[in-house]
Amino acid sequence: MTLHQQGLSTALEFSSETHPSLLETLERSKIQIEYQCREGYCGSCRLRLVKGKVCYRNEPLAFIQADEILPCSCHPVSDIEIEICTK
């Protein structure tokens, strides 16, 4: 998994046995992103999926664009590249 943040790239390892969600992987890697509900309802954790595929535990209720994901309720099913946009 590759993470892009403010022009920097970081490679992270994801293990579904250790981290049930992508958000937990990011947190344990000390990557801070905004979040609220941790269930896919609010959409505050949305990230841009540059490439790859993710799978959702439950389909998110928050509205997201085709190139966005909610890391609180998904995990990668392939090598992914994500982008964190700072506000």
PDB file of N, CA and C in Angstrom:
ATOM      1  N   MET A   1       0.844  -1.159   0.000  1.00  0.00           N
ATOM      2  CA  MET A   1       0.000   0.000   0.000  1.00  0.00           C
ATOM      3  C   MET A   1       0.896   1.230   0.000  1.00  0.00           C
ATOM      4  N   THR A   2       0.583   2.188  -0.833  1.00  0.00           N
ATOM      5  CA  THR A   2       1.342   3.434  -0.899  1.00  0.00           C
ATOM      6  C   THR A   2       0.445   4.591  -0.498  1.00  0.00           C
ATOM      7  N   LEU A   3       0.955   5.444   0.362  1.00  0.00           N
ATOM      8  CA  LEU A   3       0.220   6.598   0.852  1.00  0.00           C
ATOM      9  C   LEU A   3       0.891   7.863   0.346  1.00  0.00           C
ATOM     10  N   HIS A   4       0.104   8.766  -0.231  1.00  0.00           N
ATOM     11  CA  HIS A   4       0.617  10.064  -0.676  1.00  0.00           C
ATOM     12  C   HIS A   4       0.019  11.145   0.214  1.00  0.00           C
ATOM     13  N   GLN A   5       0.886  11.953   0.805  1.00  0.00           N
ATOM     14  CA  GLN A   5       0.425  13.032   1.671  1.00  0.00           C
ATOM     15  C   GLN A   5       1.356  14.223   1.511  1.00  0.00           C
ATOM     16  N   GLN A   6       0.816  15.349   1.083  1.00  0.00           N
ATOM     17  CA  GLN A   6       1.571  16.587   0.913  1.00  0.00           C
ATOM     18  C   GLN A   6       2.866  16.373   0.137  1.00  0.00           C
ATOM     19  N   GLY A   7       2.776  15.680  -0.986  1.00  0.00           N
ATOM     20  CA  GLY A   7       3.942  15.476  -1.835  1.00  0.00           C
ATOM     21  C   GLY A   7       4.897  14.396  -1.377  1.00  0.00           C
ATOM     22  N   LEU A   8       4.609  13.725  -0.267  1.00  0.00           N
ATOM     23  CA  LEU A   8       5.459  12.641   0.225  1.00  0.00           C
ATOM     24  C   LEU A   8       4.794  11.307  -0.057  1.00  0.00           C
ATOM     25  N   SER A   9       5.585  10.274  -0.276  1.00  0.00           N
ATOM     26  CA  SER A   9       5.057   8.927  -0.468  1.00  0.00           C
ATOM     27  C   SER A   9       5.592   8.024   0.626  1.00  0.00           C
ATOM     28  N   THR A  10       4.719   7.170   1.158  1.00  0.00           N
ATOM     29  CA  THR A  10       5.093   6.239   2.211  1.00  0.00           C
ATOM     30  C   THR A  10       4.518   4.875   1.879  1.00  0.00           C
ATOM     31  N   ALA A  11       5.303   3.836   2.025  1.00  0.00           N
ATOM     32  CA  ALA A  11       4.812   2.471   1.835  1.00  0.00           C
ATOM     33  C   ALA A  11       4.408   1.916   3.193  1.00  0.00           C
ATOM     34  N   LEU A  12       3.219   1.309   3.261  1.00  0.00           N
ATOM     35  CA  LEU A  12       2.718   0.709   4.492  1.00  0.00           C
ATOM     36  C   LEU A  12       2.304  -0.724   4.217  1.00  0.00           C
ATOM     37  N   GLU A  13       2.422  -1.572   5.216  1.00  0.00           N
ATOM     38  CA  GLU A  13       1.960  -2.951   5.111  1.00  0.00           C
ATOM     39  C   GLU A  13       0.573  -3.053   5.734  1.00  0.00           C
ATOM     40  N   PHE A  14      -0.314  -3.804   5.099  1.00  0.00           N
ATOM     41  CA  PHE A  14      -1.649  -4.030   5.637  1.00  0.00           C
ATOM     42  C   PHE A  14      -1.829  -5.512   5.887  1.00  0.00           C
ATOM     43  N   SER A  15      -2.345  -5.854   7.060  1.00  0.00           N
ATOM     44  CA  SER A  15      -2.671  -7.240   7.384  1.00  0.00           C
ATOM     45  C   SER A  15      -4.075  -7.271   7.965  1.00  0.00           C
ATOM     46  N   SER A  16      -4.999  -7.965   7.315  1.00  0.00           N
ATOM     47  CA  SER A  16      -6.377  -8.003   7.803  1.00  0.00           C
ATOM     48  C   SER A  16      -6.491  -8.753   9.125  1.00  0.00           C
ATOM     49  N   GLU A  17      -5.516  -9.606   9.434  1.00  0.00           N
ATOM     50  CA  GLU A  17      -5.545 -10.310  10.717  1.00  0.00           C
ATOM     51  C   GLU A  17      -5.260  -9.341  11.864  1.00  0.00           C
ATOM     52  N   THR A  18      -4.381  -8.374  11.634  1.00  0.00           N
ATOM     53  CA  THR A  18      -3.982  -7.436  12.686  1.00  0.00           C
ATOM     54  C   THR A  18      -4.822  -6.171  12.678  1.00  0.00           C
ATOM     55  N   HIS A  19      -5.214  -5.717  11.503  1.00  0.00           N
ATOM     56  CA  HIS A  19      -5.952  -4.457  11.364  1.00  0.00           C
ATOM     57  C   HIS A  19      -7.222  -4.708  10.545  1.00  0.00           C
ATOM     58  N   PRO A  20      -8.362  -4.790  11.193  1.00  0.00           N
ATOM     59  CA  PRO A  20      -9.599  -5.056  10.452  1.00  0.00           C
ATOM     60  C   PRO A  20      -9.986  -3.973   9.445  1.00  0.00           C
ATOM     61  N   SER A  21      -9.540  -2.732   9.655  1.00  0.00           N
ATOM     62  CA  SER A  21      -9.886  -1.664   8.712  1.00  0.00           C
ATOM     63  C   SER A  21      -8.635  -0.904   8.285  1.00  0.00           C
ATOM     64  N   LEU A  22      -8.753  -0.249   7.163  1.00  0.00           N
ATOM     65  CA  LEU A  22      -7.661   0.582   6.662  1.00  0.00           C
ATOM     66  C   LEU A  22      -7.375   1.726   7.636  1.00  0.00           C
ATOM     67  N   LEU A  23      -8.406   2.270   8.266  1.00  0.00           N
ATOM     68  CA  LEU A  23      -8.212   3.342   9.247  1.00  0.00           C
ATOM     69  C   LEU A  23      -7.308   2.876  10.385  1.00  0.00           C
ATOM     70  N   GLU A  24      -7.517   1.668  10.883  1.00  0.00           N
ATOM     71  CA  GLU A  24      -6.682   1.149  11.972  1.00  0.00           C
ATOM     72  C   GLU A  24      -5.234   0.976  11.531  1.00  0.00           C
ATOM     73  N   THR A  25      -5.027   0.564  10.297  1.00  0.00           N
ATOM     74  CA  THR A  25      -3.658   0.467   9.773  1.00  0.00           C
ATOM     75  C   THR A  25      -3.000   1.838   9.752  1.00  0.00           C
ATOM     76  N   LEU A  26      -3.727   2.836   9.288  1.00  0.00           N
ATOM     77  CA  LEU A  26      -3.187   4.194   9.239  1.00  0.00           C
ATOM     78  C   LEU A  26      -2.881   4.708  10.644  1.00  0.00           C
ATOM     79  N   GLU A  27      -3.783   4.461  11.580  1.00  0.00           N
ATOM     80  CA  GLU A  27      -3.572   4.907  12.962  1.00  0.00           C
ATOM     81  C   GLU A  27      -2.338   4.252  13.581  1.00  0.00           C
ATOM     82  N   ARG A  28      -2.195   2.963  13.401  1.00  0.00           N
ATOM     83  CA  ARG A  28      -1.048   2.253  13.983  1.00  0.00           C
ATOM     84  C   ARG A  28       0.263   2.632  13.312  1.00  0.00           C
ATOM     85  N   SER A  29       0.171   3.195  12.122  1.00  0.00           N
ATOM     86  CA  SER A  29       1.363   3.684  11.422  1.00  0.00           C
ATOM     87  C   SER A  29       1.599   5.163  11.707  1.00  0.00           C
ATOM     88  N   LYS A  30       0.834   5.711  12.654  1.00  0.00           N
ATOM     89  CA  LYS A  30       0.964   7.120  13.071  1.00  0.00           C
ATOM     90  C   LYS A  30       0.597   8.110  11.963  1.00  0.00           C
ATOM     91  N   ILE A  31      -0.297   7.686  11.052  1.00  0.00           N
ATOM     92  CA  ILE A  31      -0.821   8.567  10.010  1.00  0.00           C
ATOM     93  C   ILE A  31      -2.148   9.116  10.525  1.00  0.00           C
ATOM     94  N   GLN A  32      -2.245  10.404  10.687  1.00  0.00           N
ATOM     95  CA  GLN A  32      -3.450  11.010  11.236  1.00  0.00           C
ATOM     96  C   GLN A  32      -4.371  11.481  10.125  1.00  0.00           C
ATOM     97  N   ILE A  33      -5.609  11.017  10.196  1.00  0.00           N
ATOM     98  CA  ILE A  33      -6.649  11.509   9.304  1.00  0.00           C
ATOM     99  C   ILE A  33      -7.868  11.820  10.162  1.00  0.00           C
ATOM    100  N   GLU A  34      -8.735  12.670   9.648  1.00  0.00           N
ATOM    101  CA  GLU A  34      -9.964  12.990  10.370  1.00  0.00           C
ATOM    102  C   GLU A  34     -10.912  11.808  10.297  1.00  0.00           C
ATOM    103  N   TYR A  35     -11.651  11.595  11.379  1.00  0.00           N
ATOM    104  CA  TYR A  35     -12.714  10.591  11.395  1.00  0.00           C
ATOM    105  C   TYR A  35     -13.683  10.943  12.511  1.00  0.00           C
ATOM    106  N   GLN A  36     -14.869  10.388  12.460  1.00  0.00           N
ATOM    107  CA  GLN A  36     -15.873  10.601  13.500  1.00  0.00           C
ATOM    108  C   GLN A  36     -16.509   9.275  13.911  1.00  0.00           C
ATOM    109  N   CYS A  37     -17.263   8.679  13.009  1.00  0.00           N
ATOM    110  CA  CYS A  37     -18.127   7.553  13.381  1.00  0.00           C
ATOM    111  C   CYS A  37     -17.446   6.188  13.387  1.00  0.00           C
ATOM    112  N   ARG A  38     -16.421   6.003  12.580  1.00  0.00           N
ATOM    113  CA  ARG A  38     -15.726   4.723  12.423  1.00  0.00           C
ATOM    114  C   ARG A  38     -16.615   3.612  11.834  1.00  0.00           C
ATOM    115  N   GLU A  39     -17.738   3.993  11.222  1.00  0.00           N
ATOM    116  CA  GLU A  39     -18.678   3.008  10.687  1.00  0.00           C
ATOM    117  C   GLU A  39     -19.106   3.267   9.246  1.00  0.00           C
ATOM    118  N   GLY A  40     -18.625   4.339   8.605  1.00  0.00           N
ATOM    119  CA  GLY A  40     -19.017   4.631   7.230  1.00  0.00           C
ATOM    120  C   GLY A  40     -20.260   5.484   7.094  1.00  0.00           C
ATOM    121  N   TYR A  41     -20.717   6.090   8.201  1.00  0.00           N
ATOM    122  CA  TYR A  41     -21.922   6.918   8.163  1.00  0.00           C
ATOM    123  C   TYR A  41     -21.640   8.371   7.802  1.00  0.00           C
ATOM    124  N   CYS A  42     -20.581   8.945   8.365  1.00  0.00           N
ATOM    125  CA  CYS A  42     -20.398  10.399   8.280  1.00  0.00           C
ATOM    126  C   CYS A  42     -19.557  10.858   7.089  1.00  0.00           C
ATOM    127  N   GLY A  43     -18.625  10.055   6.629  1.00  0.00           N
ATOM    128  CA  GLY A  43     -17.792  10.425   5.488  1.00  0.00           C
ATOM    129  C   GLY A  43     -16.614  11.321   5.811  1.00  0.00           C
ATOM    130  N   SER A  44     -16.385  11.629   7.077  1.00  0.00           N
ATOM    131  CA  SER A  44     -15.301  12.566   7.402  1.00  0.00           C
ATOM    132  C   SER A  44     -13.912  11.983   7.171  1.00  0.00           C
ATOM    133  N   CYS A  45     -13.780  10.676   7.064  1.00  0.00           N
ATOM    134  CA  CYS A  45     -12.462  10.057   6.866  1.00  0.00           C
ATOM    135  C   CYS A  45     -12.125   9.818   5.394  1.00  0.00           C
ATOM    136  N   ARG A  46     -12.952  10.269   4.487  1.00  0.00           N
ATOM    137  CA  ARG A  46     -12.772   9.947   3.061  1.00  0.00           C
ATOM    138  C   ARG A  46     -11.370  10.274   2.555  1.00  0.00           C
ATOM    139  N   LEU A  47     -10.848   9.367   1.741  1.00  0.00           N
ATOM    140  CA  LEU A  47      -9.546   9.503   1.089  1.00  0.00           C
ATOM    141  C   LEU A  47      -9.733   9.249  -0.393  1.00  0.00           C
ATOM    142  N   ARG A  48      -8.781   9.671  -1.181  1.00  0.00           N
ATOM    143  CA  ARG A  48      -8.832   9.398  -2.622  1.00  0.00           C
ATOM    144  C   ARG A  48      -8.084   8.110  -2.914  1.00  0.00           C
ATOM    145  N   LEU A  49      -8.741   7.193  -3.600  1.00  0.00           N
ATOM    146  CA  LEU A  49      -8.129   5.939  -4.036  1.00  0.00           C
ATOM    147  C   LEU A  49      -7.529   6.181  -5.413  1.00  0.00           C
ATOM    148  N   VAL A  50      -6.205   6.218  -5.485  1.00  0.00           N
ATOM    149  CA  VAL A  50      -5.506   6.484  -6.739  1.00  0.00           C
ATOM    150  C   VAL A  50      -5.501   5.237  -7.608  1.00  0.00           C
ATOM    151  N   LYS A  51      -5.183   4.083  -6.995  1.00  0.00           N
ATOM    152  CA  LYS A  51      -5.280   2.816  -7.731  1.00  0.00           C
ATOM    153  C   LYS A  51      -5.427   1.667  -6.758  1.00  0.00           C
ATOM    154  N   GLY A  52      -5.939   0.561  -7.278  1.00  0.00           N
ATOM    155  CA  GLY A  52      -6.180  -0.617  -6.457  1.00  0.00           C
ATOM    156  C   GLY A  52      -7.652  -0.768  -6.122  1.00  0.00           C
ATOM    157  N   LYS A  53      -7.950  -1.766  -5.294  1.00  0.00           N
ATOM    158  CA  LYS A  53      -9.337  -2.061  -4.925  1.00  0.00           C
ATOM    159  C   LYS A  53      -9.444  -2.280  -3.426  1.00  0.00           C
ATOM    160  N   VAL A  54     -10.609  -1.890  -2.891  1.00  0.00           N
ATOM    161  CA  VAL A  54     -10.910  -2.126  -1.483  1.00  0.00           C
ATOM    162  C   VAL A  54     -12.240  -2.858  -1.383  1.00  0.00           C
ATOM    163  N   CYS A  55     -12.465  -3.461  -0.235  1.00  0.00           N
ATOM    164  CA  CYS A  55     -13.714  -4.156   0.046  1.00  0.00           C
ATOM    165  C   CYS A  55     -14.286  -3.565   1.335  1.00  0.00           C
ATOM    166  N   TYR A  56     -15.593  -3.375   1.376  1.00  0.00           N
ATOM    167  CA  TYR A  56     -16.252  -2.822   2.560  1.00  0.00           C
ATOM    168  C   TYR A  56     -16.872  -3.929   3.399  1.00  0.00           C
ATOM    169  N   ARG A  57     -16.732  -3.804   4.720  1.00  0.00           N
ATOM    170  CA  ARG A  57     -17.421  -4.734   5.635  1.00  0.00           C
ATOM    171  C   ARG A  57     -18.917  -4.591   5.420  1.00  0.00           C
ATOM    172  N   ASN A  58     -19.391  -3.358   5.439  1.00  0.00           N
ATOM    173  CA  ASN A  58     -20.785  -3.001   5.157  1.00  0.00           C
ATOM    174  C   ASN A  58     -20.744  -1.829   4.193  1.00  0.00           C
ATOM    175  N   GLU A  59     -21.657  -1.794   3.267  1.00  0.00           N
ATOM    176  CA  GLU A  59     -21.689  -0.693   2.300  1.00  0.00           C
ATOM    177  C   GLU A  59     -21.840   0.628   3.056  1.00  0.00           C
ATOM    178  N   PRO A  60     -20.982   1.612   2.789  1.00  0.00           N
ATOM    179  CA  PRO A  60     -21.053   2.873   3.532  1.00  0.00           C
ATOM    180  C   PRO A  60     -22.331   3.644   3.221  1.00  0.00           C
ATOM    181  N   LEU A  61     -22.847   4.346   4.225  1.00  0.00           N
ATOM    182  CA  LEU A  61     -24.028   5.180   4.036  1.00  0.00           C
ATOM    183  C   LEU A  61     -23.657   6.589   3.592  1.00  0.00           C
ATOM    184  N   ALA A  62     -22.445   7.016   3.886  1.00  0.00           N
ATOM    185  CA  ALA A  62     -21.988   8.342   3.476  1.00  0.00           C
ATOM    186  C   ALA A  62     -21.835   8.378   1.956  1.00  0.00           C
ATOM    187  N   PHE A  63     -22.162   9.514   1.372  1.00  0.00           N
ATOM    188  CA  PHE A  63     -22.007   9.690  -0.068  1.00  0.00           C
ATOM    189  C   PHE A  63     -20.530   9.881  -0.387  1.00  0.00           C
ATOM    190  N   ILE A  64     -20.013   9.078  -1.307  1.00  0.00           N
ATOM    191  CA  ILE A  64     -18.623   9.213  -1.735  1.00  0.00           C
ATOM    192  C   ILE A  64     -18.562   9.182  -3.259  1.00  0.00           C
ATOM    193  N   GLN A  65     -17.563   9.856  -3.809  1.00  0.00           N
ATOM    194  CA  GLN A  65     -17.339   9.864  -5.250  1.00  0.00           C
ATOM    195  C   GLN A  65     -16.729   8.525  -5.675  1.00  0.00           C
ATOM    196  N   ALA A  66     -16.691   8.284  -6.976  1.00  0.00           N
ATOM    197  CA  ALA A  66     -16.169   7.019  -7.506  1.00  0.00           C
ATOM    198  C   ALA A  66     -14.710   6.787  -7.140  1.00  0.00           C
ATOM    199  N   ASP A  67     -13.942   7.857  -6.966  1.00  0.00           N
ATOM    200  CA  ASP A  67     -12.518   7.696  -6.644  1.00  0.00           C
ATOM    201  C   ASP A  67     -12.220   7.883  -5.153  1.00  0.00           C
ATOM    202  N   GLU A  68     -13.251   7.848  -4.307  1.00  0.00           N
ATOM    203  CA  GLU A  68     -13.065   8.024  -2.867  1.00  0.00           C
ATOM    204  C   GLU A  68     -13.377   6.738  -2.113  1.00  0.00           C
ATOM    205  N   ILE A  69     -12.736   6.585  -0.960  1.00  0.00           N
ATOM    206  CA  ILE A  69     -13.002   5.449  -0.077  1.00  0.00           C
ATOM    207  C   ILE A  69     -13.147   5.959   1.350  1.00  0.00           C
ATOM    208  N   LEU A  70     -13.769   5.141   2.189  1.00  0.00           N
ATOM    209  CA  LEU A  70     -13.889   5.433   3.616  1.00  0.00           C
ATOM    210  C   LEU A  70     -13.053   4.400   4.368  1.00  0.00           C
ATOM    211  N   PRO A  71     -11.865   4.781   4.807  1.00  0.00           N
ATOM    212  CA  PRO A  71     -10.963   3.819   5.437  1.00  0.00           C
ATOM    213  C   PRO A  71     -11.482   3.231   6.742  1.00  0.00           C
ATOM    214  N   CYS A  72     -12.475   3.864   7.364  1.00  0.00           N
ATOM    215  CA  CYS A  72     -13.001   3.337   8.624  1.00  0.00           C
ATOM    216  C   CYS A  72     -13.748   2.025   8.427  1.00  0.00           C
ATOM    217  N   SER A  73     -14.229   1.776   7.214  1.00  0.00           N
ATOM    218  CA  SER A  73     -15.048   0.582   7.011  1.00  0.00           C
ATOM    219  C   SER A  73     -14.593  -0.280   5.835  1.00  0.00           C
ATOM    220  N   CYS A  74     -13.369  -0.073   5.352  1.00  0.00           N
ATOM    221  CA  CYS A  74     -12.884  -0.893   4.240  1.00  0.00           C
ATOM    222  C   CYS A  74     -11.493  -1.431   4.521  1.00  0.00           C
ATOM    223  N   HIS A  75     -11.110  -2.392   3.708  1.00  0.00           N
ATOM    224  CA  HIS A  75      -9.740  -2.908   3.740  1.00  0.00           C
ATOM    225  C   HIS A  75      -9.321  -3.213   2.303  1.00  0.00           C
ATOM    226  N   PRO A  76      -8.018  -3.133   2.018  1.00  0.00           N
ATOM    227  CA  PRO A  76      -7.544  -3.378   0.655  1.00  0.00           C
ATOM    228  C   PRO A  76      -7.686  -4.847   0.262  1.00  0.00           C
ATOM    229  N   VAL A  77      -8.030  -5.083  -0.996  1.00  0.00           N
ATOM    230  CA  VAL A  77      -8.038  -6.440  -1.540  1.00  0.00           C
ATOM    231  C   VAL A  77      -6.977  -6.586  -2.625  1.00  0.00           C
ATOM    232  N   SER A  78      -6.248  -5.505  -2.871  1.00  0.00           N
ATOM    233  CA  SER A  78      -5.108  -5.513  -3.786  1.00  0.00           C
ATOM    234  C   SER A  78      -4.132  -4.468  -3.257  1.00  0.00           C
ATOM    235  N   ASP A  79      -2.998  -4.357  -3.910  1.00  0.00           N
ATOM    236  CA  ASP A  79      -2.084  -3.287  -3.538  1.00  0.00           C
ATOM    237  C   ASP A  79      -2.776  -1.982  -3.906  1.00  0.00           C
ATOM    238  N   ILE A  80      -2.853  -1.047  -2.975  1.00  0.00           N
ATOM    239  CA  ILE A  80      -3.554   0.204  -3.242  1.00  0.00           C
ATOM    240  C   ILE A  80      -2.621   1.396  -3.106  1.00  0.00           C
ATOM    241  N   GLU A  81      -3.037   2.466  -3.730  1.00  0.00           N
ATOM    242  CA  GLU A  81      -2.356   3.746  -3.606  1.00  0.00           C
ATOM    243  C   GLU A  81      -3.428   4.747  -3.200  1.00  0.00           C
ATOM    244  N   ILE A  82      -3.229   5.417  -2.067  1.00  0.00           N
ATOM    245  CA  ILE A  82      -4.217   6.369  -1.572  1.00  0.00           C
ATOM    246  C   ILE A  82      -3.591   7.741  -1.405  1.00  0.00           C
ATOM    247  N   GLU A  83      -4.450   8.747  -1.402  1.00  0.00           N
ATOM    248  CA  GLU A  83      -3.983  10.118  -1.256  1.00  0.00           C
ATOM    249  C   GLU A  83      -4.785  10.794  -0.152  1.00  0.00           C
ATOM    250  N   ILE A  84      -4.058  11.402   0.782  1.00  0.00           N
ATOM    251  CA  ILE A  84      -4.698  12.170   1.842  1.00  0.00           C
ATOM    252  C   ILE A  84      -4.608  13.630   1.448  1.00  0.00           C
ATOM    253  N   CYS A  85      -5.746  14.255   1.294  1.00  0.00           N
ATOM    254  CA  CYS A  85      -5.784  15.673   0.944  1.00  0.00           C
ATOM    255  C   CYS A  85      -5.925  16.472   2.224  1.00  0.00           C
ATOM    256  N   THR A  86      -5.040  17.426   2.414  1.00  0.00           N
ATOM    257  CA  THR A  86      -5.142  18.289   3.585  1.00  0.00           C
ATOM    258  C   THR A  86      -6.002  19.483   3.239  1.00  0.00           C
ATOM    259  N   LYS A  87      -6.743  19.961   4.216  1.00  0.00           N
ATOM    260  CA  LYS A  87      -7.672  21.071   3.986  1.00  0.00           C
ATOM    261  C   LYS A  87      -7.019  22.389   4.175  1.00  0.00           C
TER     262      LYS A  87
END
